[in-house]
Amino acid sequence: MPVPDAPVTGAHRETPEPPGGDRPSRLDPAIAARLRRTPDGLVAAVVRQHDSGEVLMVAWMDDEALHRTLTTGRATYWSRSRREYWVKGATSGHHQYVRSVALDCDGDAVLVSVDQVGAACHTGHRTCFFTELPVSSGEVAS
């Protein structure tokens, strides 16, 4: 069974996080001003393999996770369930080395292009998007 990635050492908090994403951050204020966050202070992070464009996973970032990702070159996310930061691959060895990060036009998501080592999904699959859903045949727009 795959080992899920662990939180960043020392990132655990004994008290719940303040509502609205009021976690302290060192993110460049110019970048922070362009973000449109959820009420929890998060933006979606769509992660893809840098050379093939393969979509690997979706995770969440707050301002500090984005700052850490931009400054360390290691993909860092905010765990909504554990309420702490985690670096992809810290315990599993399935690292994500960041090649580029792009902000979408609305500022509510980032596209993280990575060099993925091993599986991106905690289930052990290369990508989290391995379950195909049926699509009914409809008219195709031209």
N, C-alpha and C. Protein backbone atom coordinates (compact mmCIF):
# COMPACT_ATOMS: atom_id res chain seq x y z
N MET A 1 0.85 -1.19 0.00
CA MET A 1 0.00 0.00 0.00
C MET A 1 0.89 1.24 0.00
N PRO A 2 0.56 2.22 -0.83
CA PRO A 2 1.39 3.43 -0.90
C PRO A 2 1.39 4.19 0.42
N VAL A 3 2.47 4.87 0.66
CA VAL A 3 2.58 5.70 1.86
C VAL A 3 2.20 7.11 1.50
N PRO A 4 1.16 7.67 2.15
CA PRO A 4 0.79 9.05 1.83
C PRO A 4 1.88 10.02 2.27
N ASP A 5 1.92 11.14 1.59
CA ASP A 5 2.90 12.15 1.96
C ASP A 5 2.57 12.73 3.32
N ALA A 6 3.60 12.97 4.08
CA ALA A 6 3.44 13.47 5.44
C ALA A 6 3.47 14.99 5.45
N PRO A 7 2.92 15.56 6.50
CA PRO A 7 2.98 17.01 6.64
C PRO A 7 4.42 17.47 6.89
N VAL A 8 4.63 18.74 6.68
CA VAL A 8 5.93 19.34 6.95
C VAL A 8 6.18 19.29 8.46
N THR A 9 7.35 18.84 8.85
CA THR A 9 7.68 18.75 10.26
C THR A 9 7.53 20.11 10.92
N GLY A 10 6.86 20.10 12.07
CA GLY A 10 6.68 21.35 12.82
C GLY A 10 5.53 22.19 12.34
N ALA A 11 4.81 21.73 11.31
CA ALA A 11 3.71 22.53 10.78
C ALA A 11 2.40 22.28 11.51
N HIS A 12 2.34 21.22 12.34
CA HIS A 12 1.10 20.89 13.04
C HIS A 12 0.76 21.97 14.06
N ARG A 13 -0.51 22.27 14.13
CA ARG A 13 -0.97 23.28 15.09
C ARG A 13 -1.93 22.61 16.05
N GLU A 14 -1.80 22.92 17.32
CA GLU A 14 -2.69 22.37 18.32
C GLU A 14 -4.06 23.02 18.30
N THR A 15 -4.14 24.27 17.88
CA THR A 15 -5.41 24.97 17.84
C THR A 15 -5.88 25.08 16.40
N PRO A 16 -7.18 25.11 16.17
CA PRO A 16 -7.68 25.23 14.80
C PRO A 16 -7.20 26.52 14.15
N GLU A 17 -7.09 26.44 12.83
CA GLU A 17 -6.71 27.63 12.06
C GLU A 17 -7.82 28.66 12.11
N PRO A 18 -7.48 29.94 12.05
CA PRO A 18 -8.51 30.97 11.98
C PRO A 18 -9.30 30.84 10.68
N PRO A 19 -10.58 31.20 10.69
CA PRO A 19 -11.36 31.14 9.46
C PRO A 19 -10.86 32.16 8.45
N GLY A 20 -11.10 31.85 7.17
CA GLY A 20 -10.77 32.82 6.11
C GLY A 20 -9.33 32.80 5.69
N GLY A 21 -8.55 31.81 6.11
CA GLY A 21 -7.19 31.70 5.64
C GLY A 21 -6.27 32.77 6.17
N ASP A 22 -6.37 33.08 7.44
CA ASP A 22 -5.53 34.11 8.02
C ASP A 22 -4.19 33.56 8.51
N ARG A 23 -3.68 32.53 7.86
CA ARG A 23 -2.38 31.99 8.20
C ARG A 23 -1.31 32.97 7.73
N PRO A 24 -0.27 33.16 8.51
CA PRO A 24 0.78 34.10 8.08
C PRO A 24 1.49 33.60 6.82
N SER A 25 1.93 34.54 6.00
CA SER A 25 2.59 34.18 4.75
C SER A 25 3.68 35.17 4.39
N ARG A 26 4.66 34.64 3.65
CA ARG A 26 5.75 35.46 3.13
C ARG A 26 5.62 35.66 1.63
N LEU A 27 4.45 35.37 1.07
CA LEU A 27 4.24 35.52 -0.37
C LEU A 27 4.37 36.98 -0.78
N ASP A 28 5.00 37.20 -1.91
CA ASP A 28 5.15 38.55 -2.48
C ASP A 28 3.76 39.21 -2.52
N PRO A 29 3.61 40.39 -1.93
CA PRO A 29 2.31 41.07 -1.91
C PRO A 29 1.72 41.31 -3.30
N ALA A 30 2.56 41.49 -4.31
CA ALA A 30 2.06 41.70 -5.66
C ALA A 30 1.38 40.44 -6.20
N ILE A 31 1.92 39.28 -5.86
CA ILE A 31 1.29 38.01 -6.26
C ILE A 31 0.04 37.79 -5.42
N ALA A 32 0.14 38.01 -4.12
CA ALA A 32 -1.00 37.80 -3.22
C ALA A 32 -2.20 38.64 -3.64
N ALA A 33 -1.95 39.85 -4.12
CA ALA A 33 -3.04 40.74 -4.52
C ALA A 33 -3.80 40.22 -5.73
N ARG A 34 -3.19 39.35 -6.51
CA ARG A 34 -3.84 38.82 -7.71
C ARG A 34 -4.66 37.57 -7.44
N LEU A 35 -4.54 37.00 -6.24
CA LEU A 35 -5.24 35.75 -5.92
C LEU A 35 -6.68 36.00 -5.49
N ARG A 36 -7.57 35.16 -5.98
CA ARG A 36 -8.96 35.13 -5.52
C ARG A 36 -9.14 33.81 -4.79
N ARG A 37 -9.22 33.88 -3.48
CA ARG A 37 -9.21 32.70 -2.64
C ARG A 37 -10.62 32.26 -2.26
N THR A 38 -10.74 30.98 -1.85
CA THR A 38 -11.98 30.48 -1.26
C THR A 38 -12.13 31.13 0.10
N PRO A 39 -13.28 30.98 0.74
CA PRO A 39 -13.43 31.53 2.10
C PRO A 39 -12.39 30.97 3.09
N ASP A 40 -11.83 29.79 2.77
CA ASP A 40 -10.78 29.20 3.61
C ASP A 40 -9.39 29.75 3.27
N GLY A 41 -9.31 30.67 2.31
CA GLY A 41 -8.02 31.26 1.95
C GLY A 41 -7.21 30.43 0.98
N LEU A 42 -7.87 29.58 0.18
CA LEU A 42 -7.16 28.65 -0.69
C LEU A 42 -7.41 28.92 -2.17
N VAL A 43 -6.46 28.48 -2.99
CA VAL A 43 -6.63 28.43 -4.44
C VAL A 43 -6.34 27.00 -4.88
N ALA A 44 -7.03 26.57 -5.93
CA ALA A 44 -6.80 25.23 -6.48
C ALA A 44 -5.45 25.21 -7.18
N ALA A 45 -4.74 24.11 -7.03
CA ALA A 45 -3.47 23.90 -7.72
C ALA A 45 -3.62 22.69 -8.63
N VAL A 46 -3.66 22.94 -9.93
CA VAL A 46 -3.71 21.86 -10.92
C VAL A 46 -2.26 21.53 -11.25
N VAL A 47 -1.92 20.25 -11.11
CA VAL A 47 -0.53 19.84 -11.28
C VAL A 47 -0.40 18.97 -12.52
N ARG A 48 0.56 19.32 -13.38
CA ARG A 48 0.78 18.55 -14.60
C ARG A 48 2.26 18.23 -14.77
N GLN A 49 2.54 17.19 -15.53
CA GLN A 49 3.90 16.84 -15.91
C GLN A 49 4.39 17.88 -16.91
N HIS A 50 5.54 18.48 -16.64
CA HIS A 50 5.99 19.63 -17.44
C HIS A 50 6.22 19.32 -18.91
N ASP A 51 6.71 18.14 -19.26
CA ASP A 51 7.06 17.88 -20.65
C ASP A 51 5.94 17.25 -21.47
N SER A 52 5.06 16.50 -20.84
CA SER A 52 3.99 15.83 -21.59
C SER A 52 2.64 16.55 -21.46
N GLY A 53 2.48 17.38 -20.43
CA GLY A 53 1.21 18.04 -20.19
C GLY A 53 0.21 17.16 -19.47
N GLU A 54 0.59 15.93 -19.13
CA GLU A 54 -0.31 15.01 -18.43
C GLU A 54 -0.75 15.61 -17.09
N VAL A 55 -2.08 15.67 -16.87
CA VAL A 55 -2.60 16.19 -15.60
C VAL A 55 -2.42 15.11 -14.55
N LEU A 56 -1.74 15.45 -13.46
CA LEU A 56 -1.40 14.48 -12.44
C LEU A 56 -2.33 14.51 -11.23
N MET A 57 -2.67 15.69 -10.77
CA MET A 57 -3.46 15.80 -9.54
C MET A 57 -3.97 17.22 -9.37
N VAL A 58 -4.86 17.39 -8.40
CA VAL A 58 -5.33 18.69 -7.97
C VAL A 58 -5.16 18.75 -6.46
N ALA A 59 -4.65 19.84 -5.97
CA ALA A 59 -4.47 20.02 -4.53
C ALA A 59 -4.83 21.47 -4.21
N TRP A 60 -4.58 21.88 -2.99
CA TRP A 60 -4.92 23.23 -2.55
C TRP A 60 -3.69 23.93 -1.99
N MET A 61 -3.62 25.23 -2.24
CA MET A 61 -2.53 26.06 -1.72
C MET A 61 -3.12 27.29 -1.06
N ASP A 62 -2.50 27.70 0.05
CA ASP A 62 -2.77 29.03 0.58
C ASP A 62 -1.57 29.88 0.18
N ASP A 63 -1.53 31.11 0.61
CA ASP A 63 -0.44 32.01 0.22
C ASP A 63 0.93 31.47 0.61
N GLU A 64 1.04 30.92 1.82
CA GLU A 64 2.34 30.42 2.28
C GLU A 64 2.76 29.18 1.50
N ALA A 65 1.84 28.29 1.19
CA ALA A 65 2.19 27.11 0.38
C ALA A 65 2.69 27.54 -0.99
N LEU A 66 2.04 28.54 -1.58
CA LEU A 66 2.49 29.05 -2.87
C LEU A 66 3.87 29.68 -2.73
N HIS A 67 4.09 30.46 -1.69
CA HIS A 67 5.41 31.05 -1.44
C HIS A 67 6.48 29.96 -1.35
N ARG A 68 6.21 28.92 -0.56
CA ARG A 68 7.19 27.84 -0.40
C ARG A 68 7.45 27.12 -1.72
N THR A 69 6.40 26.91 -2.50
CA THR A 69 6.56 26.26 -3.80
C THR A 69 7.43 27.10 -4.72
N LEU A 70 7.18 28.40 -4.76
CA LEU A 70 7.93 29.29 -5.64
C LEU A 70 9.38 29.46 -5.22
N THR A 71 9.65 29.40 -3.93
CA THR A 71 11.00 29.68 -3.45
C THR A 71 11.86 28.44 -3.20
N THR A 72 11.24 27.27 -3.08
CA THR A 72 12.03 26.06 -2.83
C THR A 72 12.12 25.15 -4.04
N GLY A 73 11.21 25.31 -5.00
CA GLY A 73 11.19 24.43 -6.15
C GLY A 73 10.59 23.07 -5.84
N ARG A 74 10.02 22.92 -4.67
CA ARG A 74 9.35 21.67 -4.25
C ARG A 74 7.87 21.99 -4.04
N ALA A 75 7.00 21.18 -4.61
CA ALA A 75 5.56 21.42 -4.52
C ALA A 75 5.09 21.26 -3.08
N THR A 76 4.52 22.33 -2.55
CA THR A 76 4.04 22.36 -1.17
C THR A 76 2.56 22.74 -1.19
N TYR A 77 1.77 22.00 -0.43
CA TYR A 77 0.32 22.18 -0.44
C TYR A 77 -0.20 22.37 0.97
N TRP A 78 -1.47 22.80 1.05
CA TRP A 78 -2.16 22.92 2.33
C TRP A 78 -3.16 21.77 2.41
N SER A 79 -3.07 20.96 3.45
CA SER A 79 -4.01 19.87 3.65
C SER A 79 -5.24 20.40 4.36
N ARG A 80 -6.38 20.33 3.70
CA ARG A 80 -7.62 20.79 4.32
C ARG A 80 -8.05 19.86 5.45
N SER A 81 -7.79 18.58 5.33
CA SER A 81 -8.21 17.65 6.37
C SER A 81 -7.30 17.70 7.60
N ARG A 82 -5.98 17.78 7.38
CA ARG A 82 -5.04 17.83 8.51
C ARG A 82 -4.74 19.24 8.98
N ARG A 83 -5.13 20.21 8.14
CA ARG A 83 -4.90 21.63 8.46
C ARG A 83 -3.42 21.92 8.70
N GLU A 84 -2.59 21.44 7.75
CA GLU A 84 -1.15 21.68 7.83
C GLU A 84 -0.54 21.56 6.44
N TYR A 85 0.69 22.06 6.30
CA TYR A 85 1.40 22.01 5.04
C TYR A 85 1.98 20.63 4.81
N TRP A 86 2.10 20.26 3.52
CA TRP A 86 2.80 19.04 3.18
C TRP A 86 3.56 19.23 1.88
N VAL A 87 4.73 18.66 1.84
CA VAL A 87 5.59 18.71 0.66
C VAL A 87 5.44 17.38 -0.06
N LYS A 88 5.04 17.43 -1.32
CA LYS A 88 4.83 16.20 -2.08
C LYS A 88 6.13 15.41 -2.14
N GLY A 89 6.05 14.17 -1.68
CA GLY A 89 7.21 13.28 -1.71
C GLY A 89 8.02 13.23 -0.43
N ALA A 90 7.66 14.02 0.57
CA ALA A 90 8.46 14.09 1.79
C ALA A 90 8.60 12.72 2.46
N THR A 91 7.58 11.91 2.41
CA THR A 91 7.68 10.57 3.00
C THR A 91 7.58 9.46 1.96
N SER A 92 6.87 9.70 0.86
CA SER A 92 6.67 8.66 -0.14
C SER A 92 7.85 8.53 -1.10
N GLY A 93 8.64 9.60 -1.23
CA GLY A 93 9.71 9.60 -2.22
C GLY A 93 9.21 9.96 -3.61
N HIS A 94 7.92 10.23 -3.77
CA HIS A 94 7.33 10.59 -5.06
C HIS A 94 7.32 12.11 -5.19
N HIS A 95 8.49 12.66 -5.35
CA HIS A 95 8.70 14.11 -5.34
C HIS A 95 8.14 14.80 -6.57
N GLN A 96 7.82 16.06 -6.39
CA GLN A 96 7.45 16.94 -7.50
C GLN A 96 8.43 18.10 -7.51
N TYR A 97 9.27 18.13 -8.54
CA TYR A 97 10.22 19.22 -8.71
C TYR A 97 9.58 20.25 -9.64
N VAL A 98 9.38 21.45 -9.14
CA VAL A 98 8.62 22.48 -9.85
C VAL A 98 9.45 23.08 -10.97
N ARG A 99 8.86 23.11 -12.17
CA ARG A 99 9.49 23.72 -13.33
C ARG A 99 8.92 25.11 -13.59
N SER A 100 7.59 25.28 -13.37
CA SER A 100 6.97 26.59 -13.55
C SER A 100 5.63 26.61 -12.82
N VAL A 101 5.17 27.83 -12.54
CA VAL A 101 3.86 28.04 -11.93
C VAL A 101 3.20 29.19 -12.68
N ALA A 102 1.95 28.98 -13.09
CA ALA A 102 1.20 30.02 -13.81
C ALA A 102 -0.11 30.27 -13.08
N LEU A 103 -0.50 31.52 -13.04
CA LEU A 103 -1.76 31.94 -12.42
C LEU A 103 -2.82 32.02 -13.52
N ASP A 104 -4.02 31.49 -13.26
CA ASP A 104 -5.06 31.56 -14.28
C ASP A 104 -5.62 32.98 -14.36
N CYS A 105 -6.44 33.22 -15.38
CA CYS A 105 -6.93 34.57 -15.68
C CYS A 105 -7.78 35.17 -14.56
N ASP A 106 -8.46 34.33 -13.78
CA ASP A 106 -9.30 34.81 -12.68
C ASP A 106 -8.56 34.89 -11.35
N GLY A 107 -7.38 34.31 -11.28
CA GLY A 107 -6.61 34.32 -10.04
C GLY A 107 -7.08 33.32 -9.01
N ASP A 108 -7.96 32.39 -9.42
CA ASP A 108 -8.48 31.44 -8.42
C ASP A 108 -7.88 30.04 -8.55
N ALA A 109 -6.88 29.88 -9.42
CA ALA A 109 -6.19 28.60 -9.57
C ALA A 109 -4.78 28.85 -10.09
N VAL A 110 -3.91 27.91 -9.77
CA VAL A 110 -2.55 27.95 -10.31
C VAL A 110 -2.30 26.64 -11.06
N LEU A 111 -1.50 26.72 -12.08
CA LEU A 111 -1.06 25.55 -12.84
C LEU A 111 0.40 25.32 -12.48
N VAL A 112 0.65 24.19 -11.85
CA VAL A 112 2.00 23.86 -11.39
C VAL A 112 2.56 22.79 -12.33
N SER A 113 3.59 23.14 -13.08
CA SER A 113 4.23 22.19 -13.98
C SER A 113 5.43 21.61 -13.26
N VAL A 114 5.46 20.29 -13.17
CA VAL A 114 6.47 19.61 -12.35
C VAL A 114 7.17 18.51 -13.13
N ASP A 115 8.30 18.10 -12.59
CA ASP A 115 8.94 16.86 -12.99
C ASP A 115 8.55 15.88 -11.89
N GLN A 116 7.61 14.98 -12.19
CA GLN A 116 7.08 14.04 -11.21
C GLN A 116 7.98 12.81 -11.13
N VAL A 117 8.40 12.47 -9.92
CA VAL A 117 9.17 11.26 -9.68
C VAL A 117 8.24 10.25 -9.02
N GLY A 118 7.97 9.15 -9.70
CA GLY A 118 7.06 8.14 -9.16
C GLY A 118 5.61 8.55 -9.34
N ALA A 119 4.77 7.95 -8.51
CA ALA A 119 3.32 8.17 -8.60
C ALA A 119 2.94 9.53 -8.03
N ALA A 120 1.99 10.20 -8.67
CA ALA A 120 1.48 11.46 -8.13
C ALA A 120 0.32 11.20 -7.17
N CYS A 121 -0.42 10.12 -7.41
CA CYS A 121 -1.61 9.82 -6.61
C CYS A 121 -1.25 9.00 -5.37
N HIS A 122 -1.92 9.28 -4.28
CA HIS A 122 -1.67 8.53 -3.04
C HIS A 122 -2.08 7.07 -3.15
N THR A 123 -2.81 6.71 -4.22
CA THR A 123 -3.20 5.30 -4.43
C THR A 123 -2.09 4.51 -5.12
N GLY A 124 -1.04 5.20 -5.54
CA GLY A 124 0.05 4.55 -6.24
C GLY A 124 -0.02 4.67 -7.75
N HIS A 125 -1.07 5.28 -8.28
CA HIS A 125 -1.19 5.52 -9.71
C HIS A 125 -0.35 6.72 -10.13
N ARG A 126 0.06 6.72 -11.37
CA ARG A 126 0.84 7.84 -11.91
C ARG A 126 0.07 9.15 -11.78
N THR A 127 -1.24 9.11 -12.09
CA THR A 127 -2.10 10.29 -12.03
C THR A 127 -3.32 9.98 -11.17
N CYS A 128 -3.91 10.99 -10.61
CA CYS A 128 -5.15 10.80 -9.84
C CYS A 128 -6.35 10.61 -10.76
N PHE A 129 -6.19 10.91 -12.03
CA PHE A 129 -7.29 10.85 -12.99
C PHE A 129 -7.23 9.56 -13.80
N PHE A 130 -7.48 8.43 -13.13
CA PHE A 130 -7.42 7.13 -13.79
C PHE A 130 -8.79 6.48 -13.92
N THR A 131 -9.85 7.11 -13.42
CA THR A 131 -11.20 6.55 -13.52
C THR A 131 -11.98 7.28 -14.61
N GLU A 132 -12.19 6.59 -15.73
CA GLU A 132 -12.95 7.16 -16.84
C GLU A 132 -14.44 7.06 -16.55
N LEU A 133 -15.17 8.11 -16.80
CA LEU A 133 -16.61 8.13 -16.65
C LEU A 133 -17.27 8.04 -18.02
N PRO A 134 -18.45 7.41 -18.09
CA PRO A 134 -19.11 7.31 -19.40
C PRO A 134 -19.65 8.67 -19.83
N VAL A 135 -19.50 8.96 -21.10
CA VAL A 135 -20.01 10.19 -21.69
C VAL A 135 -20.98 9.78 -22.79
N SER A 136 -22.20 10.27 -22.72
CA SER A 136 -23.17 9.91 -23.76
C SER A 136 -22.84 10.65 -25.05
N SER A 137 -23.14 9.99 -26.14
CA SER A 137 -22.89 10.61 -27.46
C SER A 137 -23.90 11.71 -27.68
N GLY A 138 -23.43 12.86 -27.93
CA GLY A 138 -24.28 14.00 -28.24
C GLY A 138 -23.76 14.64 -29.49
N GLU A 139 -24.36 15.72 -29.84
CA GLU A 139 -23.89 16.44 -31.00
C GLU A 139 -22.54 17.07 -30.69
N VAL A 140 -21.66 16.97 -31.63
CA VAL A 140 -20.34 17.56 -31.48
C VAL A 140 -20.33 18.91 -32.17
N ALA A 141 -19.97 19.93 -31.41
CA ALA A 141 -19.89 21.28 -31.99
C ALA A 141 -18.68 21.35 -32.91
N SER A 142 -18.84 22.05 -34.01
CA SER A 142 -17.71 22.16 -34.93
C SER A 142 -17.11 23.53 -34.90
